[in-house]
C-alpha atoms as a PDB file:
ATOM      1  CA  MET A   1       0.000   0.000   0.000  1.00  0.00           C
ATOM      2  CA  HIS A   2       1.131   3.549  -0.680  1.00  0.00           C
ATOM      3  CA  GLU A   3       2.600   5.291   2.377  1.00  0.00           C
ATOM      4  CA  ASN A   4       0.521   8.428   1.689  1.00  0.00           C
ATOM      5  CA  PHE A   5      -2.905   6.792   1.319  1.00  0.00           C
ATOM      6  CA  VAL A   6      -6.129   8.838   1.346  1.00  0.00           C
ATOM      7  CA  ILE A   7      -9.769   7.823   0.861  1.00  0.00           C
ATOM      8  CA  LEU A   8     -12.262  10.164  -0.852  1.00  0.00           C
ATOM      9  CA  ALA A   9     -15.302   8.950   1.064  1.00  0.00           C
ATOM     10  CA  GLY A  10     -18.006  11.095  -0.524  1.00  0.00           C
ATOM     11  CA  ASN A  11     -20.324  12.458  -1.364  1.00  0.00           C
ATOM     12  CA  LYS A  12     -21.504  11.350  -4.776  1.00  0.00           C
ATOM     13  CA  ARG A  13     -23.002  14.067  -7.008  1.00  0.00           C
ATOM     14  CA  SER A  14     -21.180  16.713  -5.005  1.00  0.00           C
ATOM     15  CA  GLY A  15     -18.191  17.446  -7.220  1.00  0.00           C
ATOM     16  CA  THR A  16     -16.439  14.087  -6.942  1.00  0.00           C
ATOM     17  CA  THR A  17     -16.281  13.678 -10.721  1.00  0.00           C
ATOM     18  CA  PHE A  18     -14.290  16.911 -10.900  1.00  0.00           C
ATOM     19  CA  LEU A  19     -12.005  15.734  -8.089  1.00  0.00           C
ATOM     20  CA  ARG A  20     -11.347  12.446  -9.911  1.00  0.00           C
ATOM     21  CA  GLN A  21     -10.429  14.407 -13.014  1.00  0.00           C
ATOM     22  CA  TYR A  22      -8.132  16.602 -10.961  1.00  0.00           C
ATOM     23  CA  PHE A  23      -6.435  13.545  -9.449  1.00  0.00           C
ATOM     24  CA  GLU A  24      -6.009  12.090 -12.931  1.00  0.00           C
ATOM     25  CA  ALA A  25      -4.393  15.279 -14.215  1.00  0.00           C
ATOM     26  CA  HIS A  26      -2.169  15.877 -11.179  1.00  0.00           C
ATOM     27  CA  SER A  27       1.395  14.663 -11.690  1.00  0.00           C
ATOM     28  CA  GLN A  28       1.867  13.607  -8.050  1.00  0.00           C
ATOM     29  CA  ILE A  29      -1.442  11.777  -7.474  1.00  0.00           C
ATOM     30  CA  SER A  30      -2.585   8.309  -8.497  1.00  0.00           C
ATOM     31  CA  TRP A  31      -6.021   6.900  -7.713  1.00  0.00           C
ATOM     32  CA  ASP A  32      -8.295   3.876  -7.924  1.00  0.00           C
ATOM     33  CA  ARG A  33     -11.841   2.843  -6.924  1.00  0.00           C
ATOM     34  CA  GLN A  34     -11.887  -0.068  -4.475  1.00  0.00           C
ATOM     35  CA  GLY A  35     -13.677   1.416  -1.457  1.00  0.00           C
ATOM     36  CA  TYR A  36     -16.907  -0.423  -2.273  1.00  0.00           C
ATOM     37  CA  HIS A  37     -15.116  -3.266  -0.498  1.00  0.00           C
ATOM     38  CA  PHE A  38     -16.430  -1.787   2.766  1.00  0.00           C
ATOM     39  CA  LEU A  39     -20.068  -1.504   1.663  1.00  0.00           C
ATOM     40  CA  ASN A  40     -20.852  -4.919   0.233  1.00  0.00           C
ATOM     41  CA  GLY A  41     -22.136  -7.109   3.064  1.00  0.00           C
ATOM     42  CA  ASP A  42     -19.284  -8.993   4.748  1.00  0.00           C
ATOM     43  CA  ARG A  43     -16.914  -8.599   1.837  1.00  0.00           C
ATOM     44  CA  HIS A  44     -14.650  -6.475   4.041  1.00  0.00           C
ATOM     45  CA  VAL A  45     -14.107  -9.600   6.160  1.00  0.00           C
ATOM     46  CA  THR A  46     -13.691 -12.210   3.429  1.00  0.00           C
ATOM     47  CA  GLU A  47     -11.125 -10.438   1.250  1.00  0.00           C
ATOM     48  CA  THR A  48      -8.070  -8.304   1.896  1.00  0.00           C
ATOM     49  CA  TYR A  49      -8.456  -4.640   0.984  1.00  0.00           C
ATOM     50  CA  SER A  50      -4.792  -4.149   0.094  1.00  0.00           C
ATOM     51  CA  ASP A  51      -4.912  -7.039  -2.399  1.00  0.00           C
ATOM     52  CA  LEU A  52      -7.476  -5.155  -4.494  1.00  0.00           C
ATOM     53  CA  PHE A  53      -4.996  -2.553  -5.651  1.00  0.00           C
ATOM     54  CA  THR A  54      -3.285  -3.693  -8.823  1.00  0.00           C
ATOM     55  CA  LYS A  55      -2.964  -0.248 -10.399  1.00  0.00           C
ATOM     56  CA  PRO A  56       0.664   0.956 -10.043  1.00  0.00           C
ATOM     57  CA  SER A  57       1.301   4.188  -8.158  1.00  0.00           C
ATOM     58  CA  ASP A  58       3.906   5.244 -10.765  1.00  0.00           C
ATOM     59  CA  GLY A  59       6.106   6.777  -8.112  1.00  0.00           C
ATOM     60  CA  THR A  60       3.498   9.393  -7.201  1.00  0.00           C
ATOM     61  CA  SER A  61       3.471  11.156  -3.832  1.00  0.00           C
ATOM     62  CA  CYS A  62      -0.127  10.335  -2.931  1.00  0.00           C
ATOM     63  CA  PHE A  63      -2.639   7.572  -3.627  1.00  0.00           C
ATOM     64  CA  VAL A  64      -6.386   8.263  -3.364  1.00  0.00           C
ATOM     65  CA  ASP A  65      -9.037   5.567  -3.251  1.00  0.00           C
ATOM     66  CA  VAL A  66     -12.298   7.070  -4.489  1.00  0.00           C
ATOM     67  CA  CYS A  67     -15.594   5.732  -3.130  1.00  0.00           C
ATOM     68  CA  GLU A  68     -18.311   8.386  -3.057  1.00  0.00           C
ATOM     69  CA  HIS A  69     -20.761   6.164  -1.144  1.00  0.00           C
ATOM     70  CA  LEU A  70     -18.701   5.609   2.003  1.00  0.00           C
ATOM     71  CA  ALA A  71     -19.722   8.753   3.872  1.00  0.00           C
ATOM     72  CA  ILE A  72     -23.376   7.975   3.126  1.00  0.00           C
ATOM     73  CA  GLY A  73     -23.048   4.660   4.957  1.00  0.00           C
ATOM     74  CA  GLN A  74     -24.917   2.633   2.333  1.00  0.00           C
ATOM     75  CA  ILE A  75     -24.165  -0.992   3.287  1.00  0.00           C
ATOM     76  CA  VAL A  76     -25.800  -3.616   1.049  1.00  0.00           C
ATOM     77  CA  ASN A  77     -26.342  -7.077   2.545  1.00  0.00           C
ATOM     78  CA  ASN A  78     -28.394  -8.532  -0.296  1.00  0.00           C
ATOM     79  CA  MET A  79     -27.449  -7.211  -3.717  1.00  0.00           C
ATOM     80  CA  GLU A  80     -30.324  -8.961  -5.511  1.00  0.00           C
ATOM     81  CA  ALA A  81     -32.912  -7.468  -3.144  1.00  0.00           C
ATOM     82  CA  TRP A  82     -31.258  -4.039  -3.322  1.00  0.00           C
ATOM     83  CA  SER A  83     -31.403  -4.097  -7.135  1.00  0.00           C
ATOM     84  CA  SER A  84     -35.104  -4.965  -7.128  1.00  0.00           C
ATOM     85  CA  LEU A  85     -35.996  -2.338  -4.497  1.00  0.00           C
ATOM     86  CA  ARG A  86     -33.698   0.463  -5.596  1.00  0.00           C
ATOM     87  CA  PHE A  87     -36.286   2.299  -7.688  1.00  0.00           C
ATOM     88  CA  THR A  88     -39.452   0.775  -6.228  1.00  0.00           C
ATOM     89  CA  PRO A  89     -41.686   3.330  -4.453  1.00  0.00           C
ATOM     90  CA  ASP A  90     -42.699   2.488  -0.870  1.00  0.00           C
ATOM     91  CA  ALA A  91     -39.772   0.065  -0.661  1.00  0.00           C
ATOM     92  CA  LYS A  92     -39.398  -2.031   2.486  1.00  0.00           C
ATOM     93  CA  VAL A  93     -35.663  -2.663   2.493  1.00  0.00           C
ATOM     94  CA  GLY A  94     -35.597  -4.844   5.617  1.00  0.00           C
ATOM     95  CA  ASP A  95     -32.249  -6.605   6.009  1.00  0.00           C
ATOM     96  CA  ALA A  96     -31.240  -6.056   2.387  1.00  0.00           C
ATOM     97  CA  LEU A  97     -29.754  -2.683   3.193  1.00  0.00           C
ATOM     98  CA  TYR A  98     -28.869  -0.685   6.239  1.00  0.00           C
ATOM     99  CA  LEU A  99     -27.781   2.915   6.477  1.00  0.00           C
ATOM    100  CA  ASP A 100     -25.077   3.563   9.011  1.00  0.00           C
ATOM    101  CA  GLN A 101     -22.409   6.208   8.453  1.00  0.00           C
ATOM    102  CA  ARG A 102     -20.540   5.165  11.571  1.00  0.00           C
ATOM    103  CA  LYS A 103     -20.503   1.471  10.675  1.00  0.00           C
ATOM    104  CA  ALA A 104     -18.882   2.260   7.330  1.00  0.00           C
ATOM    105  CA  ALA A 105     -16.282   4.436   9.078  1.00  0.00           C
ATOM    106  CA  GLU A 106     -15.582   1.674  11.616  1.00  0.00           C
ATOM    107  CA  ARG A 107     -14.975  -0.830   8.821  1.00  0.00           C
ATOM    108  CA  ILE A 108     -12.398   1.489   7.287  1.00  0.00           C
ATOM    109  CA  LYS A 109     -10.756   2.121  10.660  1.00  0.00           C
ATOM    110  CA  ALA A 110     -10.444  -1.601  11.372  1.00  0.00           C
ATOM    111  CA  THR A 111      -8.621  -2.144   8.079  1.00  0.00           C
ATOM    112  CA  MET A 112      -6.797   1.158   7.545  1.00  0.00           C
ATOM    113  CA  PRO A 113      -6.309   2.775  10.969  1.00  0.00           C
ATOM    114  CA  ASN A 114      -3.898   5.440   9.690  1.00  0.00           C
ATOM    115  CA  VAL A 115      -5.704   6.453   6.505  1.00  0.00           C
ATOM    116  CA  ARG A 116      -6.809  10.056   5.988  1.00  0.00           C
ATOM    117  CA  ILE A 117     -10.291  10.960   4.756  1.00  0.00           C
ATOM    118  CA  VAL A 118     -11.701  13.576   2.356  1.00  0.00           C
ATOM    119  CA  ILE A 119     -15.449  14.320   2.206  1.00  0.00           C
ATOM    120  CA  ILE A 120     -17.137  16.954   0.044  1.00  0.00           C
ATOM    121  CA  LEU A 121     -20.592  18.299   0.906  1.00  0.00           C
ATOM    122  CA  ARG A 122     -23.349  19.918  -1.136  1.00  0.00           C
ATOM    123  CA  ASN A 123     -26.476  21.632   0.144  1.00  0.00           C
ATOM    124  CA  GLN A 124     -29.076  18.923   0.514  1.00  0.00           C
ATOM    125  CA  ILE A 125     -31.785  20.479  -1.659  1.00  0.00           C
ATOM    126  CA  ASP A 126     -29.513  20.634  -4.706  1.00  0.00           C
ATOM    127  CA  TRP A 127     -27.996  17.274  -3.804  1.00  0.00           C
ATOM    128  CA  ILE A 128     -31.299  15.412  -3.572  1.00  0.00           C
ATOM    129  CA  ARG A 129     -32.746  17.262  -6.578  1.00  0.00           C
ATOM    130  CA  THR A 130     -29.825  16.000  -8.680  1.00  0.00           C
ATOM    131  CA  HIS A 131     -30.465  12.408  -7.611  1.00  0.00           C
ATOM    132  CA  TYR A 132     -34.151  12.753  -8.445  1.00  0.00           C
ATOM    133  CA  ARG A 133     -33.329  14.345 -11.794  1.00  0.00           C
ATOM    134  CA  VAL A 134     -31.008  11.467 -12.736  1.00  0.00           C
ATOM    135  CA  PHE A 135     -33.171   8.619 -11.459  1.00  0.00           C
ATOM    136  CA  GLN A 136     -36.706   9.868 -12.124  1.00  0.00           C
ATOM    137  CA  GLU A 137     -36.871   8.063 -15.445  1.00  0.00           C
ATOM    138  CA  LYS A 138     -36.279   4.752 -13.659  1.00  0.00           C
ATOM    139  CA  LEU A 139     -39.420   5.145 -11.549  1.00  0.00           C
ATOM    140  CA  PRO A 140     -42.779   3.657 -12.613  1.00  0.00           C
ATOM    141  CA  GLN A 141     -44.584   6.018 -14.963  1.00  0.00           C
ATOM    142  CA  ASN A 142     -47.542   6.458 -12.601  1.00  0.00           C
ATOM    143  CA  LYS A 143     -45.391   6.826  -9.457  1.00  0.00           C
ATOM    144  CA  ASN A 144     -42.570   9.181 -10.370  1.00  0.00           C
ATOM    145  CA  THR A 145     -43.108  12.206  -8.127  1.00  0.00           C
ATOM    146  CA  PHE A 146     -40.441  13.537  -5.803  1.00  0.00           C
ATOM    147  CA  GLN A 147     -42.175  11.907  -2.822  1.00  0.00           C
ATOM    148  CA  ASP A 148     -42.278   8.610  -4.722  1.00  0.00           C
ATOM    149  CA  PHE A 149     -38.532   8.848  -5.297  1.00  0.00           C
ATOM    150  CA  LEU A 150     -37.843   9.493  -1.610  1.00  0.00           C
ATOM    151  CA  SER A 151     -39.788   6.333  -0.730  1.00  0.00           C
ATOM    152  CA  THR A 152     -37.604   4.105  -2.949  1.00  0.00           C
ATOM    153  CA  ALA A 153     -34.531   2.369  -1.531  1.00  0.00           C
ATOM    154  CA  GLU A 154     -32.326   4.821  -3.448  1.00  0.00           C
ATOM    155  CA  GLY A 155     -34.327   7.746  -2.090  1.00  0.00           C
ATOM    156  CA  GLN A 156     -34.044   6.435   1.465  1.00  0.00           C
ATOM    157  CA  VAL A 157     -30.256   6.161   1.037  1.00  0.00           C
ATOM    158  CA  VAL A 158     -29.992   9.748  -0.156  1.00  0.00           C
ATOM    159  CA  LEU A 159     -32.398  11.113   2.452  1.00  0.00           C
ATOM    160  CA  ASN A 160     -30.405   9.516   5.274  1.00  0.00           C
ATOM    161  CA  GLY A 161     -27.085  10.452   3.673  1.00  0.00           C
ATOM    162  CA  GLY A 162     -28.030  14.115   3.947  1.00  0.00           C
ATOM    163  CA  PHE A 163     -27.444  13.975   7.704  1.00  0.00           C
ATOM    164  CA  TYR A 164     -23.869  15.085   7.136  1.00  0.00           C
ATOM    165  CA  HIS A 165     -23.079  15.580  10.817  1.00  0.00           C
ATOM    166  CA  LYS A 166     -23.382  11.833  11.458  1.00  0.00           C
ATOM    167  CA  ALA A 167     -20.546  11.022   9.069  1.00  0.00           C
ATOM    168  CA  ILE A 168     -18.418  13.958  10.230  1.00  0.00           C
ATOM    169  CA  GLU A 169     -18.774  13.022  13.905  1.00  0.00           C
ATOM    170  CA  ALA A 170     -17.864   9.393  13.165  1.00  0.00           C
ATOM    171  CA  TYR A 171     -14.780  10.182  11.070  1.00  0.00           C
ATOM    172  CA  TYR A 172     -13.561  12.894  13.430  1.00  0.00           C
ATOM    173  CA  GLU A 173     -13.846  10.556  16.413  1.00  0.00           C
ATOM    174  CA  LEU A 174     -12.294   7.505  14.732  1.00  0.00           C
ATOM    175  CA  PHE A 175      -9.520   9.138  12.697  1.00  0.00           C
ATOM    176  CA  GLY A 176      -8.954  12.470  14.434  1.00  0.00           C
ATOM    177  CA  LYS A 177     -10.054  15.841  13.090  1.00  0.00           C
ATOM    178  CA  SER A 178      -6.622  16.638  11.642  1.00  0.00           C
ATOM    179  CA  ASN A 179      -6.860  13.530   9.452  1.00  0.00           C
ATOM    180  CA  VAL A 180     -10.238  14.416   7.961  1.00  0.00           C
ATOM    181  CA  LEU A 181     -10.778  17.160   5.372  1.00  0.00           C
ATOM    182  CA  ILE A 182     -14.327  18.424   4.824  1.00  0.00           C
ATOM    183  CA  LEU A 183     -14.825  20.412   1.606  1.00  0.00           C
ATOM    184  CA  SER A 184     -17.838  22.315   0.271  1.00  0.00           C
ATOM    185  CA  LEU A 185     -19.001  22.145  -3.341  1.00  0.00           C
ATOM    186  CA  ASP A 186     -20.404  25.672  -3.070  1.00  0.00           C
ATOM    187  CA  LYS A 187     -17.050  26.983  -1.858  1.00  0.00           C
ATOM    188  CA  MET A 188     -15.201  25.038  -4.547  1.00  0.00           C
ATOM    189  CA  ARG A 189     -17.422  26.626  -7.197  1.00  0.00           C
ATOM    190  CA  ASP A 190     -16.865  30.114  -5.782  1.00  0.00           C
ATOM    191  CA  ASP A 191     -13.137  29.750  -5.121  1.00  0.00           C
ATOM    192  CA  ARG A 192     -11.844  26.693  -6.918  1.00  0.00           C
ATOM    193  CA  ASP A 193      -8.111  27.443  -6.747  1.00  0.00           C
ATOM    194  CA  ASN A 194      -8.028  28.085  -3.002  1.00  0.00           C
ATOM    195  CA  THR A 195     -10.097  24.952  -2.410  1.00  0.00           C
ATOM    196  CA  LEU A 196      -7.616  22.935  -4.476  1.00  0.00           C
ATOM    197  CA  VAL A 197      -4.717  24.514  -2.582  1.00  0.00           C
ATOM    198  CA  THR A 198      -6.324  23.310   0.662  1.00  0.00           C
ATOM    199  CA  LEU A 199      -6.884  19.864  -0.837  1.00  0.00           C
ATOM    200  CA  CYS A 200      -3.301  19.548  -2.119  1.00  0.00           C
ATOM    201  CA  ASP A 201      -1.922  20.635   1.234  1.00  0.00           C
ATOM    202  CA  PHE A 202      -3.983  17.909   2.924  1.00  0.00           C
ATOM    203  CA  LEU A 203      -2.827  15.339   0.342  1.00  0.00           C
ATOM    204  CA  ARG A 204       0.790  16.456   0.894  1.00  0.00           C
ATOM    205  CA  VAL A 205       1.386  17.243  -2.759  1.00  0.00           C
ATOM    206  CA  ASP A 206       2.234  20.445  -4.606  1.00  0.00           C
ATOM    207  CA  PHE A 207      -0.648  22.540  -5.868  1.00  0.00           C
ATOM    208  CA  GLU A 208      -1.185  22.258  -9.606  1.00  0.00           C
ATOM    209  CA  PRO A 209      -3.801  24.575 -11.165  1.00  0.00           C
ATOM    210  CA  TRP A 210      -6.741  23.044 -12.965  1.00  0.00           C
ATOM    211  CA  ASP A 211      -6.926  23.469 -16.726  1.00  0.00           C
ATOM    212  CA  SER A 212     -10.592  24.282 -17.365  1.00  0.00           C
ATOM    213  CA  LYS A 213     -10.216  23.285 -21.028  1.00  0.00           C
ATOM    214  CA  THR A 214     -10.034  19.661 -19.939  1.00  0.00           C
ATOM    215  CA  ALA A 215     -13.107  19.878 -17.719  1.00  0.00           C
ATOM    216  CA  ASN A 216     -15.786  17.272 -18.355  1.00  0.00           C
ATOM    217  CA  ARG A 217     -18.857  17.527 -16.195  1.00  0.00           C
ATOM    218  CA  ASN A 218     -20.653  14.379 -15.147  1.00  0.00           C
ATOM    219  CA  SER A 219     -23.412  14.388 -17.739  1.00  0.00           C
ATOM    220  CA  SER A 220     -24.853  11.859 -20.124  1.00  0.00           C
ATOM    221  CA  GLY A 221     -27.679  11.112 -22.475  1.00  0.00           C
ATOM    222  CA  ALA A 222     -29.674   9.990 -19.459  1.00  0.00           C
ATOM    223  CA  ASN A 223     -30.139  13.619 -18.464  1.00  0.00           C
ATOM    224  CA  HIS A 224     -31.471  14.399 -21.933  1.00  0.00           C
ATOM    225  CA  THR A 225     -33.888  11.490 -21.625  1.00  0.00           C
ATOM    226  CA  PHE A 226     -35.083  12.794 -18.259  1.00  0.00           C
ATOM    227  CA  HIS A 227     -35.830  16.257 -19.658  1.00  0.00           C
ATOM    228  CA  ILE A 228     -37.518  14.837 -22.757  1.00  0.00           C
ATOM    229  CA  ARG A 229     -39.740  12.634 -20.599  1.00  0.00           C
ATOM    230  CA  ARG A 230     -40.684  15.589 -18.405  1.00  0.00           C
ATOM    231  CA  PHE A 231     -41.486  17.580 -21.543  1.00  0.00           C
ATOM    232  CA  LEU A 232     -43.654  14.767 -22.939  1.00  0.00           C
ATOM    233  CA  GLU A 233     -45.464  14.416 -19.627  1.00  0.00           C
ATOM    234  CA  LYS A 234     -46.079  18.157 -19.527  1.00  0.00           C
ATOM    235  CA  ILE A 235     -47.660  18.231 -22.982  1.00  0.00           C
ATOM    236  CA  GLY A 236     -49.597  14.991 -22.475  1.00  0.00           C
ATOM    237  CA  LEU A 237     -47.703  12.638 -24.809  1.00  0.00           C
ATOM    238  CA  SER A 238     -46.583   9.059 -24.153  1.00  0.00           C
ATOM    239  CA  PHE A 239     -43.067   8.354 -22.886  1.00  0.00           C
ATOM    240  CA  ARG A 240     -42.751   6.032 -25.884  1.00  0.00           C
ATOM    241  CA  ALA A 241     -42.112   9.142 -27.974  1.00  0.00           C
ATOM    242  CA  VAL A 242     -38.717   9.688 -26.292  1.00  0.00           C
ATOM    243  CA  GLU A 243     -36.719   8.062 -29.087  1.00  0.00           C
ATOM    244  CA  PHE A 244     -38.620  10.071 -31.702  1.00  0.00           C
ATOM    245  CA  MET A 245     -37.939  13.321 -29.859  1.00  0.00           C
ATOM    246  CA  ARG A 246     -34.264  12.679 -29.090  1.00  0.00           C
ATOM    247  CA  PRO A 247     -32.882  13.695 -32.554  1.00  0.00           C
ATOM    248  CA  LEU A 248     -34.843  16.956 -32.324  1.00  0.00           C
ATOM    249  CA  TRP A 249     -33.462  17.841 -28.896  1.00  0.00           C
ATOM    250  CA  ASN A 250     -30.383  19.764 -30.009  1.00  0.00           C
ATOM    251  CA  ILE A 251     -31.968  21.398 -33.043  1.00  0.00           C
ATOM    252  CA  GLY A 252     -34.634  23.473 -31.370  1.00  0.00           C
ATOM    253  CA  LEU A 253     -36.709  21.258 -29.102  1.00  0.00           C
ATOM    254  CA  LYS A 254     -34.394  21.851 -26.145  1.00  0.00           C
ATOM    255  CA  SER A 255     -35.013  25.614 -26.053  1.00  0.00           C
ATOM    256  CA  ILE A 256     -38.767  25.109 -26.342  1.00  0.00           C
ATOM    257  CA  ALA A 257     -38.789  22.513 -23.599  1.00  0.00           C
ATOM    258  CA  LYS A 258     -36.621  24.733 -21.363  1.00  0.00           C
ATOM    259  CA  LYS A 259     -39.275  27.428 -21.381  1.00  0.00           C
ATOM    260  CA  ILE A 260     -42.019  24.940 -20.602  1.00  0.00           C
ATOM    261  CA  LEU A 261     -40.013  23.153 -17.903  1.00  0.00           C
ATOM    262  CA  SER A 262     -38.549  26.211 -16.188  1.00  0.00           C
ATOM    263  CA  LYS A 263     -40.477  25.345 -13.039  1.00  0.00           C
ATOM    264  CA  ASP A 264     -38.345  23.613 -10.435  1.00  0.00           C
ATOM    265  CA  ILE A 265     -38.884  19.839 -10.251  1.00  0.00           C
ATOM    266  CA  ILE A 266     -39.032  20.196  -6.441  1.00  0.00           C
ATOM    267  CA  SER A 267     -41.878  22.325  -5.138  1.00  0.00           C
ATOM    268  CA  LYS A 268     -41.486  25.221  -2.730  1.00  0.00           C
ATOM    269  CA  GLU A 269     -43.197  23.153  -0.041  1.00  0.00           C
ATOM    270  CA  GLU A 270     -40.828  20.227  -0.621  1.00  0.00           C
ATOM    271  CA  LYS A 271     -37.796  22.500  -0.379  1.00  0.00           C
ATOM    272  CA  THR A 272     -39.120  23.942   2.870  1.00  0.00           C
ATOM    273  CA  MET A 273     -39.623  20.407   4.159  1.00  0.00           C
ATOM    274  CA  LEU A 274     -36.019  19.489   3.321  1.00  0.00           C
ATOM    275  CA  SER A 275     -34.680  22.668   4.926  1.00  0.00           C
ATOM    276  CA  LEU A 276     -36.503  21.882   8.166  1.00  0.00           C
ATOM    277  CA  PHE A 277     -35.578  18.206   7.982  1.00  0.00           C
ATOM    278  CA  TYR A 278     -31.857  18.996   7.872  1.00  0.00           C
ATOM    279  CA  SER A 279     -31.810  22.124  10.045  1.00  0.00           C
ATOM    280  CA  TYR A 280     -30.311  20.401  13.089  1.00  0.00           C
ATOM    281  CA  SER A 281     -27.809  18.450  11.008  1.00  0.00           C
ATOM    282  CA  ASN A 282     -26.636  21.602   9.227  1.00  0.00           C
ATOM    283  CA  SER A 283     -26.315  23.466  12.513  1.00  0.00           C
ATOM    284  CA  ARG A 284     -24.253  20.610  13.899  1.00  0.00           C
ATOM    285  CA  THR A 285     -22.139  20.459  10.722  1.00  0.00           C
ATOM    286  CA  GLU A 286     -21.391  24.171  10.986  1.00  0.00           C
ATOM    287  CA  HIS A 287     -20.375  23.727  14.613  1.00  0.00           C
ATOM    288  CA  LEU A 288     -18.044  20.849  13.729  1.00  0.00           C
ATOM    289  CA  THR A 289     -16.472  22.248  10.562  1.00  0.00           C
ATOM    290  CA  GLY A 290     -17.263  25.943  10.269  1.00  0.00           C
ATOM    291  CA  LEU A 291     -18.961  25.247   6.925  1.00  0.00           C
ATOM    292  CA  VAL A 292     -22.390  26.777   6.348  1.00  0.00           C
ATOM    293  CA  ILE A 293     -24.678  24.504   4.300  1.00  0.00           C
ATOM    294  CA  LYS A 294     -27.002  26.906   2.496  1.00  0.00           C
END
């Protein structure tokens, strides 16, 4: 194992794609993705974490294992059941899945007691909206509202994962505050270079500026499909017209749909509900880290 070993423990859809790209471009950093070892039932007991790393470090100064689900504490005991319940509204997950940020942190500590941890946070309304936006097309056609999404196994994972203070308290206690770096996506957007300076200092590597020309946001055709489906639903057409509409998307349909779909996919009442739901957690997070989750 690399002497300077760091785990990027989360959170998914909070800027981790950008961080992976930065690691890839940085001359002193190598990275891999093996942290799911800790989240798959008892796999962390039956196989050796260090044996999973076959990617050479190439003489770099720092090695980062990227697993954006760790800080969420999403531990899957039955993969078949999880797959069937993931996008099923009113899912009863039972023993197939349990959500425990501390348990995930304890599994890491038992295997890698001296590892250092990076976690990046995003305000929960934007964070959960992004998950709904990406996964809404996977919901049943007649049960695809925001509340339906929150009742799926995936929605329950995200809803619980938004209690950021639980993960922060666990990692601070187990690894020591000086060995845990908490970043903010909002701050990284507003002041990217200084955020990367802080990150590089924590990783014990030299700061290297990011070349924006190589940026590649985490987007795909799935997002187009989501917007097309919302557009079809709005104008009363069948979702089966998605494939017909797709070629027209970038030649005019997109701008028309944008005007029609300008309304937020989460209602004002739902955003108020989320703000109240996470108010204590955000207050606790600010107390622990000094970061204000807006």
